[in-house]
Amino acid sequence: MIGHQGDVLALSEPLEWAEGATHYLALRRRDGGLAGPFRGEAVPGDATKVRVLDPLTITPYVGGSEERTYFSFGPGQAWAQTARVLAIRSRAEQVEILVVAEESRVHVN
């Protein structure tokens, strides 16, 4: 089932809300692509929940037999940042990715 407008999602991390700003939530699809961004609003009394104001185009996976759905969250355009990957290093069972913020205006001819 695809989520509906007004659905409340419980997230793994508490969210930080900026006063007076429109906030967005993006979800990672199973193929690694992006779903959203979707507008969201705080759920009073629980910083780990968000009410999605736009219809969801995917069903987030929350089970334990595969990787759960990842999310990105923030106000306005801050929910995402374009970055250039400088290095990727294996760290035992983790991977370290070194990036620098990318600004397209520096590449104008």
PDB file of N, CA and C in Angstrom:
ATOM      1  N   MET A   1       0.840  -1.187   0.000  1.00  0.00           N
ATOM      2  CA  MET A   1       0.000   0.000   0.000  1.00  0.00           C
ATOM      3  C   MET A   1       0.882   1.246   0.000  1.00  0.00           C
ATOM      4  N   ILE A   2       0.584   2.179  -0.831  1.00  0.00           N
ATOM      5  CA  ILE A   2       1.284   3.468  -0.856  1.00  0.00           C
ATOM      6  C   ILE A   2       0.650   4.364   0.207  1.00  0.00           C
ATOM      7  N   GLY A   3       1.487   5.163   0.897  1.00  0.00           N
ATOM      8  CA  GLY A   3       0.986   6.029   1.950  1.00  0.00           C
ATOM      9  C   GLY A   3       0.083   7.129   1.410  1.00  0.00           C
ATOM     10  N   HIS A   4      -0.689   7.682   2.300  1.00  0.00           N
ATOM     11  CA  HIS A   4      -1.633   8.730   1.930  1.00  0.00           C
ATOM     12  C   HIS A   4      -1.258  10.046   2.584  1.00  0.00           C
ATOM     13  N   GLN A   5      -1.798  11.108   2.054  1.00  0.00           N
ATOM     14  CA  GLN A   5      -1.597  12.426   2.627  1.00  0.00           C
ATOM     15  C   GLN A   5      -2.056  12.391   4.080  1.00  0.00           C
ATOM     16  N   GLY A   6      -1.261  12.953   4.983  1.00  0.00           N
ATOM     17  CA  GLY A   6      -1.604  12.970   6.397  1.00  0.00           C
ATOM     18  C   GLY A   6      -1.029  11.807   7.179  1.00  0.00           C
ATOM     19  N   ASP A   7      -0.353  10.868   6.504  1.00  0.00           N
ATOM     20  CA  ASP A   7       0.262   9.737   7.202  1.00  0.00           C
ATOM     21  C   ASP A   7       1.320  10.243   8.180  1.00  0.00           C
ATOM     22  N   VAL A   8       1.452   9.560   9.307  1.00  0.00           N
ATOM     23  CA  VAL A   8       2.492   9.868  10.286  1.00  0.00           C
ATOM     24  C   VAL A   8       3.555   8.788  10.188  1.00  0.00           C
ATOM     25  N   LEU A   9       4.810   9.213   9.996  1.00  0.00           N
ATOM     26  CA  LEU A   9       5.932   8.288   9.931  1.00  0.00           C
ATOM     27  C   LEU A   9       6.747   8.396  11.210  1.00  0.00           C
ATOM     28  N   ALA A  10       7.120   7.250  11.784  1.00  0.00           N
ATOM     29  CA  ALA A  10       8.021   7.207  12.933  1.00  0.00           C
ATOM     30  C   ALA A  10       9.424   6.979  12.398  1.00  0.00           C
ATOM     31  N   LEU A  11      10.351   7.867  12.727  1.00  0.00           N
ATOM     32  CA  LEU A  11      11.711   7.825  12.198  1.00  0.00           C
ATOM     33  C   LEU A  11      12.699   7.372  13.266  1.00  0.00           C
ATOM     34  N   SER A  12      13.886   6.979  12.841  1.00  0.00           N
ATOM     35  CA  SER A  12      14.904   6.466  13.754  1.00  0.00           C
ATOM     36  C   SER A  12      15.610   7.566  14.540  1.00  0.00           C
ATOM     37  N   GLU A  13      15.536   8.789  14.084  1.00  0.00           N
ATOM     38  CA  GLU A  13      16.245   9.904  14.710  1.00  0.00           C
ATOM     39  C   GLU A  13      15.272  11.040  15.000  1.00  0.00           C
ATOM     40  N   PRO A  14      15.515  11.819  16.075  1.00  0.00           N
ATOM     41  CA  PRO A  14      14.668  12.993  16.323  1.00  0.00           C
ATOM     42  C   PRO A  14      14.928  14.062  15.259  1.00  0.00           C
ATOM     43  N   LEU A  15      13.900  14.788  14.903  1.00  0.00           N
ATOM     44  CA  LEU A  15      14.002  15.821  13.876  1.00  0.00           C
ATOM     45  C   LEU A  15      14.143  17.192  14.514  1.00  0.00           C
ATOM     46  N   GLU A  16      14.868  18.074  13.826  1.00  0.00           N
ATOM     47  CA  GLU A  16      15.008  19.462  14.276  1.00  0.00           C
ATOM     48  C   GLU A  16      14.189  20.339  13.338  1.00  0.00           C
ATOM     49  N   TRP A  17      13.317  21.154  13.912  1.00  0.00           N
ATOM     50  CA  TRP A  17      12.407  21.990  13.139  1.00  0.00           C
ATOM     51  C   TRP A  17      12.823  23.452  13.257  1.00  0.00           C
ATOM     52  N   ALA A  18      12.847  24.167  12.125  1.00  0.00           N
ATOM     53  CA  ALA A  18      13.144  25.600  12.101  1.00  0.00           C
ATOM     54  C   ALA A  18      11.821  26.357  12.106  1.00  0.00           C
ATOM     55  N   GLU A  19      11.684  27.267  13.023  1.00  0.00           N
ATOM     56  CA  GLU A  19      10.451  28.040  13.178  1.00  0.00           C
ATOM     57  C   GLU A  19      10.072  28.762  11.883  1.00  0.00           C
ATOM     58  N   GLY A  20       8.825  28.608  11.453  1.00  0.00           N
ATOM     59  CA  GLY A  20       8.294  29.322  10.300  1.00  0.00           C
ATOM     60  C   GLY A  20       8.714  28.806   8.940  1.00  0.00           C
ATOM     61  N   ALA A  21       9.489  27.723   8.883  1.00  0.00           N
ATOM     62  CA  ALA A  21       9.972  27.196   7.596  1.00  0.00           C
ATOM     63  C   ALA A  21       9.135  26.002   7.155  1.00  0.00           C
ATOM     64  N   THR A  22       9.057  25.791   5.851  1.00  0.00           N
ATOM     65  CA  THR A  22       8.447  24.587   5.302  1.00  0.00           C
ATOM     66  C   THR A  22       9.516  23.498   5.307  1.00  0.00           C
ATOM     67  N   HIS A  23       9.167  22.331   5.840  1.00  0.00           N
ATOM     68  CA  HIS A  23      10.123  21.231   5.953  1.00  0.00           C
ATOM     69  C   HIS A  23       9.786  20.121   4.967  1.00  0.00           C
ATOM     70  N   TYR A  24      10.836  19.430   4.525  1.00  0.00           N
ATOM     71  CA  TYR A  24      10.680  18.364   3.536  1.00  0.00           C
ATOM     72  C   TYR A  24      11.358  17.088   4.001  1.00  0.00           C
ATOM     73  N   LEU A  25      10.779  15.977   3.583  1.00  0.00           N
ATOM     74  CA  LEU A  25      11.294  14.651   3.861  1.00  0.00           C
ATOM     75  C   LEU A  25      11.436  13.931   2.533  1.00  0.00           C
ATOM     76  N   ALA A  26      12.598  13.343   2.283  1.00  0.00           N
ATOM     77  CA  ALA A  26      12.805  12.536   1.087  1.00  0.00           C
ATOM     78  C   ALA A  26      13.140  11.123   1.552  1.00  0.00           C
ATOM     79  N   LEU A  27      12.696  10.123   0.798  1.00  0.00           N
ATOM     80  CA  LEU A  27      12.918   8.726   1.142  1.00  0.00           C
ATOM     81  C   LEU A  27      13.697   8.029   0.037  1.00  0.00           C
ATOM     82  N   ARG A  28      14.540   7.083   0.433  1.00  0.00           N
ATOM     83  CA  ARG A  28      15.305   6.328  -0.561  1.00  0.00           C
ATOM     84  C   ARG A  28      14.502   5.102  -0.992  1.00  0.00           C
ATOM     85  N   ARG A  29      14.346   4.966  -2.299  1.00  0.00           N
ATOM     86  CA  ARG A  29      13.660   3.801  -2.858  1.00  0.00           C
ATOM     87  C   ARG A  29      14.559   2.570  -2.745  1.00  0.00           C
ATOM     88  N   ARG A  30      14.004   1.401  -2.924  1.00  0.00           N
ATOM     89  CA  ARG A  30      14.769   0.151  -2.843  1.00  0.00           C
ATOM     90  C   ARG A  30      15.886   0.102  -3.875  1.00  0.00           C
ATOM     91  N   ASP A  31      15.704   0.777  -5.024  1.00  0.00           N
ATOM     92  CA  ASP A  31      16.743   0.785  -6.061  1.00  0.00           C
ATOM     93  C   ASP A  31      17.776   1.892  -5.848  1.00  0.00           C
ATOM     94  N   GLY A  32      17.677   2.614  -4.727  1.00  0.00           N
ATOM     95  CA  GLY A  32      18.621   3.685  -4.421  1.00  0.00           C
ATOM     96  C   GLY A  32      18.181   5.049  -4.902  1.00  0.00           C
ATOM     97  N   GLY A  33      17.109   5.116  -5.697  1.00  0.00           N
ATOM     98  CA  GLY A  33      16.598   6.392  -6.190  1.00  0.00           C
ATOM     99  C   GLY A  33      15.887   7.183  -5.094  1.00  0.00           C
ATOM    100  N   LEU A  34      15.500   8.386  -5.426  1.00  0.00           N
ATOM    101  CA  LEU A  34      14.869   9.300  -4.483  1.00  0.00           C
ATOM    102  C   LEU A  34      13.360   9.327  -4.671  1.00  0.00           C
ATOM    103  N   ALA A  35      12.623   9.265  -3.580  1.00  0.00           N
ATOM    104  CA  ALA A  35      11.177   9.482  -3.582  1.00  0.00           C
ATOM    105  C   ALA A  35      10.928  10.774  -2.813  1.00  0.00           C
ATOM    106  N   GLY A  36      10.222  11.698  -3.446  1.00  0.00           N
ATOM    107  CA  GLY A  36       9.968  12.977  -2.797  1.00  0.00           C
ATOM    108  C   GLY A  36      10.788  14.064  -3.458  1.00  0.00           C
ATOM    109  N   PRO A  37      10.923  15.167  -2.788  1.00  0.00           N
ATOM    110  CA  PRO A  37      10.624  15.408  -1.383  1.00  0.00           C
ATOM    111  C   PRO A  37       9.130  15.606  -1.118  1.00  0.00           C
ATOM    112  N   PHE A  38       8.748  15.296   0.123  1.00  0.00           N
ATOM    113  CA  PHE A  38       7.373  15.438   0.593  1.00  0.00           C
ATOM    114  C   PHE A  38       7.361  16.479   1.704  1.00  0.00           C
ATOM    115  N   ARG A  39       6.369  17.363   1.677  1.00  0.00           N
ATOM    116  CA  ARG A  39       6.233  18.347   2.749  1.00  0.00           C
ATOM    117  C   ARG A  39       5.833  17.619   4.033  1.00  0.00           C
ATOM    118  N   GLY A  40       6.350  18.100   5.169  1.00  0.00           N
ATOM    119  CA  GLY A  40       6.015  17.471   6.437  1.00  0.00           C
ATOM    120  C   GLY A  40       5.784  18.494   7.526  1.00  0.00           C
ATOM    121  N   GLU A  41       5.086  18.052   8.581  1.00  0.00           N
ATOM    122  CA  GLU A  41       4.884  18.908   9.742  1.00  0.00           C
ATOM    123  C   GLU A  41       5.148  18.099  11.007  1.00  0.00           C
ATOM    124  N   ALA A  42       5.533  18.804  12.065  1.00  0.00           N
ATOM    125  CA  ALA A  42       5.866  18.163  13.333  1.00  0.00           C
ATOM    126  C   ALA A  42       4.637  17.511  13.951  1.00  0.00           C
ATOM    127  N   VAL A  43       4.871  16.434  14.661  1.00  0.00           N
ATOM    128  CA  VAL A  43       3.840  15.795  15.476  1.00  0.00           C
ATOM    129  C   VAL A  43       4.126  16.227  16.913  1.00  0.00           C
ATOM    130  N   PRO A  44       3.261  17.055  17.494  1.00  0.00           N
ATOM    131  CA  PRO A  44       3.530  17.572  18.846  1.00  0.00           C
ATOM    132  C   PRO A  44       3.794  16.449  19.848  1.00  0.00           C
ATOM    133  N   GLY A  45       4.839  16.649  20.653  1.00  0.00           N
ATOM    134  CA  GLY A  45       5.147  15.703  21.713  1.00  0.00           C
ATOM    135  C   GLY A  45       6.036  14.537  21.321  1.00  0.00           C
ATOM    136  N   ASP A  46       6.395  14.415  20.032  1.00  0.00           N
ATOM    137  CA  ASP A  46       7.267  13.315  19.610  1.00  0.00           C
ATOM    138  C   ASP A  46       8.175  13.779  18.486  1.00  0.00           C
ATOM    139  N   ALA A  47       9.446  14.047  18.828  1.00  0.00           N
ATOM    140  CA  ALA A  47      10.410  14.586  17.861  1.00  0.00           C
ATOM    141  C   ALA A  47      10.840  13.564  16.818  1.00  0.00           C
ATOM    142  N   THR A  48      10.470  12.296  16.986  1.00  0.00           N
ATOM    143  CA  THR A  48      10.844  11.269  16.005  1.00  0.00           C
ATOM    144  C   THR A  48       9.729  11.010  15.001  1.00  0.00           C
ATOM    145  N   LYS A  49       8.645  11.767  15.070  1.00  0.00           N
ATOM    146  CA  LYS A  49       7.535  11.554  14.136  1.00  0.00           C
ATOM    147  C   LYS A  49       7.303  12.781  13.270  1.00  0.00           C
ATOM    148  N   VAL A  50       6.848  12.527  12.043  1.00  0.00           N
ATOM    149  CA  VAL A  50       6.529  13.589  11.100  1.00  0.00           C
ATOM    150  C   VAL A  50       5.219  13.222  10.385  1.00  0.00           C
ATOM    151  N   ARG A  51       4.354  14.211  10.214  1.00  0.00           N
ATOM    152  CA  ARG A  51       3.123  14.011   9.442  1.00  0.00           C
ATOM    153  C   ARG A  51       3.421  14.447   8.016  1.00  0.00           C
ATOM    154  N   VAL A  52       3.254  13.545   7.071  1.00  0.00           N
ATOM    155  CA  VAL A  52       3.540  13.821   5.663  1.00  0.00           C
ATOM    156  C   VAL A  52       2.326  14.503   5.049  1.00  0.00           C
ATOM    157  N   LEU A  53       2.546  15.678   4.446  1.00  0.00           N
ATOM    158  CA  LEU A  53       1.447  16.480   3.905  1.00  0.00           C
ATOM    159  C   LEU A  53       1.174  16.220   2.435  1.00  0.00           C
ATOM    160  N   ASP A  54       2.047  15.477   1.780  1.00  0.00           N
ATOM    161  CA  ASP A  54       1.858  15.123   0.372  1.00  0.00           C
ATOM    162  C   ASP A  54       1.672  13.610   0.286  1.00  0.00           C
ATOM    163  N   PRO A  55       0.962  13.129  -0.740  1.00  0.00           N
ATOM    164  CA  PRO A  55       0.814  11.675  -0.891  1.00  0.00           C
ATOM    165  C   PRO A  55       2.177  11.003  -1.103  1.00  0.00           C
ATOM    166  N   LEU A  56       2.451   9.933  -0.345  1.00  0.00           N
ATOM    167  CA  LEU A  56       3.688   9.179  -0.513  1.00  0.00           C
ATOM    168  C   LEU A  56       3.631   8.360  -1.789  1.00  0.00           C
ATOM    169  N   THR A  57       4.753   8.246  -2.461  1.00  0.00           N
ATOM    170  CA  THR A  57       4.821   7.458  -3.695  1.00  0.00           C
ATOM    171  C   THR A  57       5.493   6.105  -3.470  1.00  0.00           C
ATOM    172  N   ILE A  58       5.927   5.846  -2.229  1.00  0.00           N
ATOM    173  CA  ILE A  58       6.490   4.542  -1.872  1.00  0.00           C
ATOM    174  C   ILE A  58       5.972   4.146  -0.495  1.00  0.00           C
ATOM    175  N   THR A  59       6.094   2.882  -0.180  1.00  0.00           N
ATOM    176  CA  THR A  59       5.800   2.404   1.165  1.00  0.00           C
ATOM    177  C   THR A  59       7.135   2.173   1.861  1.00  0.00           C
ATOM    178  N   PRO A  60       7.431   2.934   2.908  1.00  0.00           N
ATOM    179  CA  PRO A  60       8.713   2.748   3.605  1.00  0.00           C
ATOM    180  C   PRO A  60       8.807   1.336   4.181  1.00  0.00           C
ATOM    181  N   TYR A  61      10.001   0.735   4.083  1.00  0.00           N
ATOM    182  CA  TYR A  61      10.211  -0.601   4.636  1.00  0.00           C
ATOM    183  C   TYR A  61      10.763  -0.462   6.049  1.00  0.00           C
ATOM    184  N   VAL A  62      10.105  -1.113   7.016  1.00  0.00           N
ATOM    185  CA  VAL A  62      10.517  -1.011   8.413  1.00  0.00           C
ATOM    186  C   VAL A  62      10.778  -2.377   9.046  1.00  0.00           C
ATOM    187  N   GLY A  63      10.800  -3.428   8.245  1.00  0.00           N
ATOM    188  CA  GLY A  63      11.035  -4.778   8.754  1.00  0.00           C
ATOM    189  C   GLY A  63      12.491  -5.009   9.101  1.00  0.00           C
ATOM    190  N   GLY A  64      12.822  -6.282   9.350  1.00  0.00           N
ATOM    191  CA  GLY A  64      14.170  -6.607   9.761  1.00  0.00           C
ATOM    192  C   GLY A  64      14.913  -7.544   8.835  1.00  0.00           C
ATOM    193  N   SER A  65      14.310  -7.917   7.708  1.00  0.00           N
ATOM    194  CA  SER A  65      14.961  -8.884   6.831  1.00  0.00           C
ATOM    195  C   SER A  65      15.772  -8.243   5.709  1.00  0.00           C
ATOM    196  N   GLU A  66      15.709  -6.936   5.578  1.00  0.00           N
ATOM    197  CA  GLU A  66      16.506  -6.215   4.582  1.00  0.00           C
ATOM    198  C   GLU A  66      16.746  -4.807   5.090  1.00  0.00           C
ATOM    199  N   GLU A  67      17.483  -4.026   4.317  1.00  0.00           N
ATOM    200  CA  GLU A  67      17.805  -2.661   4.719  1.00  0.00           C
ATOM    201  C   GLU A  67      16.530  -1.818   4.785  1.00  0.00           C
ATOM    202  N   ARG A  68      16.387  -1.086   5.872  1.00  0.00           N
ATOM    203  CA  ARG A  68      15.207  -0.226   6.035  1.00  0.00           C
ATOM    204  C   ARG A  68      15.329   1.021   5.167  1.00  0.00           C
ATOM    205  N   THR A  69      14.216   1.688   4.953  1.00  0.00           N
ATOM    206  CA  THR A  69      14.181   2.902   4.137  1.00  0.00           C
ATOM    207  C   THR A  69      14.938   4.031   4.840  1.00  0.00           C
ATOM    208  N   TYR A  70      15.859   4.656   4.117  1.00  0.00           N
ATOM    209  CA  TYR A  70      16.590   5.817   4.625  1.00  0.00           C
ATOM    210  C   TYR A  70      15.792   7.081   4.323  1.00  0.00           C
ATOM    211  N   PHE A  71      16.053   8.137   5.132  1.00  0.00           N
ATOM    212  CA  PHE A  71      15.370   9.405   4.893  1.00  0.00           C
ATOM    213  C   PHE A  71      16.349  10.559   4.974  1.00  0.00           C
ATOM    214  N   SER A  72      15.962  11.664   4.348  1.00  0.00           N
ATOM    215  CA  SER A  72      16.662  12.931   4.449  1.00  0.00           C
ATOM    216  C   SER A  72      15.609  13.956   4.835  1.00  0.00           C
ATOM    217  N   PHE A  73      15.957  14.902   5.707  1.00  0.00           N
ATOM    218  CA  PHE A  73      14.963  15.831   6.236  1.00  0.00           C
ATOM    219  C   PHE A  73      15.588  17.197   6.463  1.00  0.00           C
ATOM    220  N   GLY A  74      14.813  18.240   6.227  1.00  0.00           N
ATOM    221  CA  GLY A  74      15.277  19.587   6.541  1.00  0.00           C
ATOM    222  C   GLY A  74      14.329  20.655   6.036  1.00  0.00           C
ATOM    223  N   PRO A  75      14.593  21.919   6.428  1.00  0.00           N
ATOM    224  CA  PRO A  75      13.753  23.034   5.980  1.00  0.00           C
ATOM    225  C   PRO A  75      14.131  23.493   4.578  1.00  0.00           C
ATOM    226  N   GLY A  76      13.143  23.944   3.823  1.00  0.00           N
ATOM    227  CA  GLY A  76      13.385  24.500   2.489  1.00  0.00           C
ATOM    228  C   GLY A  76      14.282  23.628   1.647  1.00  0.00           C
ATOM    229  N   GLN A  77      15.329  24.193   1.090  1.00  0.00           N
ATOM    230  CA  GLN A  77      16.264  23.444   0.260  1.00  0.00           C
ATOM    231  C   GLN A  77      17.317  22.701   1.076  1.00  0.00           C
ATOM    232  N   ALA A  78      17.298  22.841   2.404  1.00  0.00           N
ATOM    233  CA  ALA A  78      18.334  22.233   3.250  1.00  0.00           C
ATOM    234  C   ALA A  78      18.145  20.733   3.465  1.00  0.00           C
ATOM    235  N   TRP A  79      17.095  20.138   2.918  1.00  0.00           N
ATOM    236  CA  TRP A  79      16.899  18.691   3.095  1.00  0.00           C
ATOM    237  C   TRP A  79      17.921  17.900   2.291  1.00  0.00           C
ATOM    238  N   ALA A  80      18.592  18.558   1.345  1.00  0.00           N
ATOM    239  CA  ALA A  80      19.598  17.882   0.523  1.00  0.00           C
ATOM    240  C   ALA A  80      20.739  18.852   0.224  1.00  0.00           C
ATOM    241  N   GLN A  81      21.913  18.315  -0.046  1.00  0.00           N
ATOM    242  CA  GLN A  81      23.068  19.132  -0.409  1.00  0.00           C
ATOM    243  C   GLN A  81      23.825  18.413  -1.513  1.00  0.00           C
ATOM    244  N   THR A  82      24.040  19.096  -2.621  1.00  0.00           N
ATOM    245  CA  THR A  82      24.858  18.533  -3.683  1.00  0.00           C
ATOM    246  C   THR A  82      26.305  18.517  -3.206  1.00  0.00           C
ATOM    247  N   ALA A  83      26.974  17.388  -3.421  1.00  0.00           N
ATOM    248  CA  ALA A  83      28.353  17.258  -2.943  1.00  0.00           C
ATOM    249  C   ALA A  83      29.197  16.511  -3.952  1.00  0.00           C
ATOM    250  N   ARG A  84      30.502  16.788  -3.918  1.00  0.00           N
ATOM    251  CA  ARG A  84      31.477  16.086  -4.754  1.00  0.00           C
ATOM    252  C   ARG A  84      32.202  15.092  -3.856  1.00  0.00           C
ATOM    253  N   VAL A  85      32.215  13.821  -4.275  1.00  0.00           N
ATOM    254  CA  VAL A  85      32.897  12.780  -3.498  1.00  0.00           C
ATOM    255  C   VAL A  85      34.395  12.887  -3.731  1.00  0.00           C
ATOM    256  N   LEU A  86      35.142  13.029  -2.648  1.00  0.00           N
ATOM    257  CA  LEU A  86      36.597  13.121  -2.727  1.00  0.00           C
ATOM    258  C   LEU A  86      37.270  11.785  -2.460  1.00  0.00           C
ATOM    259  N   ALA A  87      36.683  10.991  -1.564  1.00  0.00           N
ATOM    260  CA  ALA A  87      37.300   9.703  -1.220  1.00  0.00           C
ATOM    261  C   ALA A  87      36.266   8.784  -0.587  1.00  0.00           C
ATOM    262  N   ILE A  88      36.465   7.490  -0.782  1.00  0.00           N
ATOM    263  CA  ILE A  88      35.660   6.456  -0.138  1.00  0.00           C
ATOM    264  C   ILE A  88      36.642   5.460   0.472  1.00  0.00           C
ATOM    265  N   ARG A  89      36.520   5.238   1.788  1.00  0.00           N
ATOM    266  CA  ARG A  89      37.445   4.343   2.498  1.00  0.00           C
ATOM    267  C   ARG A  89      36.682   3.292   3.272  1.00  0.00           C
ATOM    268  N   SER A  90      37.147   2.063   3.208  1.00  0.00           N
ATOM    269  CA  SER A  90      36.576   0.977   3.986  1.00  0.00           C
ATOM    270  C   SER A  90      37.094   1.079   5.416  1.00  0.00           C
ATOM    271  N   ARG A  91      36.194   0.995   6.378  1.00  0.00           N
ATOM    272  CA  ARG A  91      36.539   1.049   7.800  1.00  0.00           C
ATOM    273  C   ARG A  91      35.884  -0.149   8.495  1.00  0.00           C
ATOM    274  N   ALA A  92      36.502  -1.321   8.392  1.00  0.00           N
ATOM    275  CA  ALA A  92      35.953  -2.569   8.963  1.00  0.00           C
ATOM    276  C   ALA A  92      34.577  -2.819   8.351  1.00  0.00           C
ATOM    277  N   GLU A  93      33.539  -2.745   9.152  1.00  0.00           N
ATOM    278  CA  GLU A  93      32.178  -2.994   8.643  1.00  0.00           C
ATOM    279  C   GLU A  93      31.469  -1.714   8.227  1.00  0.00           C
ATOM    280  N   GLN A  94      32.174  -0.605   8.218  1.00  0.00           N
ATOM    281  CA  GLN A  94      31.599   0.670   7.813  1.00  0.00           C
ATOM    282  C   GLN A  94      32.363   1.228   6.623  1.00  0.00           C
ATOM    283  N   VAL A  95      31.762   2.226   5.980  1.00  0.00           N
ATOM    284  CA  VAL A  95      32.410   2.910   4.876  1.00  0.00           C
ATOM    285  C   VAL A  95      32.425   4.398   5.201  1.00  0.00           C
ATOM    286  N   GLU A  96      33.583   5.017   5.018  1.00  0.00           N
ATOM    287  CA  GLU A  96      33.725   6.453   5.230  1.00  0.00           C
ATOM    288  C   GLU A  96      33.712   7.131   3.868  1.00  0.00           C
ATOM    289  N   ILE A  97      32.849   8.127   3.700  1.00  0.00           N
ATOM    290  CA  ILE A  97      32.763   8.873   2.453  1.00  0.00           C
ATOM    291  C   ILE A  97      33.120  10.328   2.751  1.00  0.00           C
ATOM    292  N   LEU A  98      34.161  10.832   2.112  1.00  0.00           N
ATOM    293  CA  LEU A  98      34.619  12.209   2.291  1.00  0.00           C
ATOM    294  C   LEU A  98      34.085  13.036   1.120  1.00  0.00           C
ATOM    295  N   VAL A  99      33.322  14.087   1.434  1.00  0.00           N
ATOM    296  CA  VAL A  99      32.732  14.924   0.388  1.00  0.00           C
ATOM    297  C   VAL A  99      32.990  16.392   0.689  1.00  0.00           C
ATOM    298  N   VAL A 100      32.812  17.207  -0.328  1.00  0.00           N
ATOM    299  CA  VAL A 100      32.853  18.654  -0.182  1.00  0.00           C
ATOM    300  C   VAL A 100      31.593  19.195  -0.859  1.00  0.00           C
ATOM    301  N   ALA A 101      30.998  20.222  -0.257  1.00  0.00           N
ATOM    302  CA  ALA A 101      29.790  20.812  -0.836  1.00  0.00           C
ATOM    303  C   ALA A 101      30.083  21.307  -2.245  1.00  0.00           C
ATOM    304  N   GLU A 102      29.165  21.033  -3.147  1.00  0.00           N
ATOM    305  CA  GLU A 102      29.313  21.427  -4.551  1.00  0.00           C
ATOM    306  C   GLU A 102      28.396  22.615  -4.839  1.00  0.00           C
ATOM    307  N   GLU A 103      28.903  23.587  -5.528  1.00  0.00           N
ATOM    308  CA  GLU A 103      28.121  24.768  -5.913  1.00  0.00           C
ATOM    309  C   GLU A 103      28.211  24.925  -7.410  1.00  0.00           C
ATOM    310  N   SER A 104      27.082  24.771  -8.093  1.00  0.00           N
ATOM    311  CA  SER A 104      27.088  24.791  -9.562  1.00  0.00           C
ATOM    312  C   SER A 104      27.498  26.143 -10.135  1.00  0.00           C
ATOM    313  N   ARG A 105      27.322  27.223  -9.386  1.00  0.00           N
ATOM    314  CA  ARG A 105      27.650  28.557  -9.909  1.00  0.00           C
ATOM    315  C   ARG A 105      29.141  28.726 -10.188  1.00  0.00           C
ATOM    316  N   VAL A 106      30.015  27.945  -9.543  1.00  0.00           N
ATOM    317  CA  VAL A 106      31.442  28.086  -9.803  1.00  0.00           C
ATOM    318  C   VAL A 106      31.849  27.509 -11.140  1.00  0.00           C
ATOM    319  N   HIS A 107      30.933  26.771 -11.790  1.00  0.00           N
ATOM    320  CA  HIS A 107      31.252  26.139 -13.067  1.00  0.00           C
ATOM    321  C   HIS A 107      30.660  26.873 -14.263  1.00  0.00           C
ATOM    322  N   VAL A 108      30.107  28.060 -14.071  1.00  0.00           N
ATOM    323  CA  VAL A 108      29.524  28.834 -15.164  1.00  0.00           C
ATOM    324  C   VAL A 108      30.634  29.318 -16.076  1.00  0.00           C
ATOM    325  N   ASN A 109      30.459  29.100 -17.380  1.00  0.00           N
ATOM    326  CA  ASN A 109      31.485  29.532 -18.353  1.00  0.00           C
ATOM    327  C   ASN A 109      31.296  30.977 -18.732  1.00  0.00           C
TER     328      ASN A 109
END
